[in-house]
Amino acid sequence: MEITDIITIIGGIGGIQGVIELLKWWRGRKVQDRQDVAEITATENENYRKQIEWYEKRLQERDAKIDRIYAELREEQATHLEEIHRRHEVELQLKEAEVKKCCKRGCADREPPSDY
């Protein structure tokens, strides 16, 4: 092959500009690979951030729901304790009435005995 043939082939491929672009591509391919990897990593990180935000939102919603359930539970427990106290009070009044009961029939001064 002669020089004119080589120049003709290079001209057909794209000339000097084509050779320059080929050299740029050859030298910059590793840089481009690193940029592609960095772009993919950034996209993955963004997806992880979105997942974390979704989990945090879901956790906050669940915590709020648990707080509401605990508030209802405490309210029911308070109502139940009030009922227990009221019933115990009535039982104590009944026991006190039984203790103060006058067992003597036909007693003229029948009032609940006051010596207790």
Protein backbone atom coordinates (compact mmCIF):
# COMPACT_ATOMS: atom_id res chain seq x y z
CA MET A 1 0.00 0.00 0.00
CA GLU A 2 1.11 3.39 -0.80
CA ILE A 3 0.68 6.54 1.16
CA THR A 4 -2.00 7.78 -1.18
CA ASP A 5 -4.05 4.66 -0.55
CA ILE A 6 -3.78 5.12 3.23
CA ILE A 7 -4.76 8.78 2.93
CA THR A 8 -7.71 7.82 0.73
CA ILE A 9 -8.89 5.23 3.29
CA ILE A 10 -8.56 7.72 6.14
CA GLY A 11 -10.44 10.30 4.09
CA GLY A 12 -13.17 7.81 3.44
CA ILE A 13 -13.48 6.91 7.12
CA GLY A 14 -13.81 10.50 8.22
CA GLY A 15 -10.61 12.26 7.59
CA ILE A 16 -8.40 13.84 10.20
CA GLN A 17 -11.43 14.81 12.31
CA GLY A 18 -12.50 11.17 12.42
CA VAL A 19 -9.04 10.12 13.57
CA ILE A 20 -9.06 12.82 16.24
CA GLU A 21 -12.49 11.71 17.48
CA LEU A 22 -11.33 8.10 17.54
CA LEU A 23 -8.31 9.07 19.64
CA LYS A 24 -10.49 11.13 22.00
CA TRP A 25 -12.84 8.20 22.41
CA TRP A 26 -9.94 5.82 23.02
CA ARG A 27 -8.39 8.08 25.68
CA GLY A 28 -11.70 9.04 27.32
CA ARG A 29 -13.41 5.68 27.44
CA LYS A 30 -12.33 5.03 31.06
CA VAL A 31 -13.53 8.47 32.10
CA GLN A 32 -16.86 7.81 30.43
CA ASP A 33 -17.10 4.44 32.16
CA ARG A 34 -16.49 6.12 35.54
CA GLN A 35 -19.12 8.75 34.75
CA ASP A 36 -21.61 6.03 33.82
CA VAL A 37 -20.89 4.16 37.05
CA ALA A 38 -21.25 7.39 39.05
CA GLU A 39 -24.58 8.13 37.36
CA ILE A 40 -25.88 4.63 38.11
CA THR A 41 -24.71 4.91 41.72
CA ALA A 42 -26.45 8.28 42.09
CA THR A 43 -29.67 6.80 40.70
CA GLU A 44 -29.46 3.85 43.11
CA ASN A 45 -28.82 6.21 46.04
CA GLU A 46 -31.84 8.29 45.07
CA ASN A 47 -33.98 5.13 44.99
CA TYR A 48 -32.70 4.16 48.44
CA ARG A 49 -33.51 7.65 49.74
CA LYS A 50 -37.05 7.37 48.38
CA GLN A 51 -37.47 3.98 50.02
CA ILE A 52 -36.17 5.31 53.32
CA GLU A 53 -38.55 8.28 53.15
CA TRP A 54 -41.43 5.90 52.41
CA TYR A 55 -40.47 3.68 55.36
CA GLU A 56 -40.17 6.69 57.69
CA LYS A 57 -43.58 7.97 56.61
CA ARG A 58 -45.10 4.52 57.13
CA LEU A 59 -43.43 4.25 60.55
CA GLN A 60 -44.82 7.65 61.59
CA GLU A 61 -48.31 6.61 60.48
CA ARG A 62 -48.01 3.37 62.44
CA ASP A 63 -46.74 5.21 65.53
CA ALA A 64 -49.70 7.60 65.33
CA LYS A 65 -52.08 4.67 65.04
CA ILE A 66 -50.48 2.94 68.03
CA ASP A 67 -50.74 6.16 70.05
CA ARG A 68 -54.45 6.40 69.23
CA ILE A 69 -54.99 2.79 70.25
CA TYR A 70 -53.13 3.33 73.53
CA ALA A 71 -55.23 6.43 74.23
CA GLU A 72 -58.39 4.38 73.71
CA LEU A 73 -57.00 1.64 75.96
CA ARG A 74 -56.19 4.11 78.76
CA GLU A 75 -59.66 5.62 78.43
CA GLU A 76 -61.30 2.18 78.71
CA GLN A 77 -59.08 1.29 81.67
CA ALA A 78 -60.05 4.52 83.45
CA THR A 79 -63.74 3.79 82.84
CA HIS A 80 -63.29 0.25 84.13
CA LEU A 81 -61.48 1.46 87.27
CA GLU A 82 -64.20 4.00 87.97
CA GLU A 83 -66.80 1.23 87.73
CA ILE A 84 -64.78 -0.98 90.09
CA HIS A 85 -64.43 1.86 92.63
CA ARG A 86 -68.15 2.60 92.46
CA ARG A 87 -69.04 -1.06 93.03
CA HIS A 88 -66.58 -1.38 95.91
CA GLU A 89 -68.07 1.71 97.49
CA VAL A 90 -71.55 0.20 97.28
CA GLU A 91 -70.25 -3.07 98.75
CA LEU A 92 -68.65 -1.21 101.64
CA GLN A 93 -71.91 0.62 102.34
CA LEU A 94 -73.76 -2.71 102.34
CA LYS A 95 -71.25 -4.28 104.76
CA GLU A 96 -71.46 -1.22 107.02
CA ALA A 97 -75.26 -1.47 107.03
CA GLU A 98 -75.04 -5.17 107.96
CA VAL A 99 -72.70 -4.41 110.85
CA LYS A 100 -74.95 -1.63 112.20
CA LYS A 101 -78.11 -3.71 111.86
CA CYS A 102 -80.14 -3.98 115.04
CA CYS A 103 -81.00 -7.66 115.63
CA LYS A 104 -83.38 -7.02 118.52
CA ARG A 105 -87.00 -7.26 117.37
CA GLY A 106 -89.53 -4.90 118.76
CA CYS A 107 -86.94 -2.66 120.36
CA ALA A 108 -88.55 0.60 121.45
CA ASP A 109 -85.50 2.71 120.85
CA ARG A 110 -84.69 1.13 117.54
CA GLU A 111 -82.32 3.37 115.73
CA PRO A 112 -79.17 2.20 114.22
CA PRO A 113 -76.87 1.67 117.19
CA SER A 114 -74.48 4.52 117.55
CA ASP A 115 -71.84 2.78 119.60
CA TYR A 116 -69.88 1.88 116.50
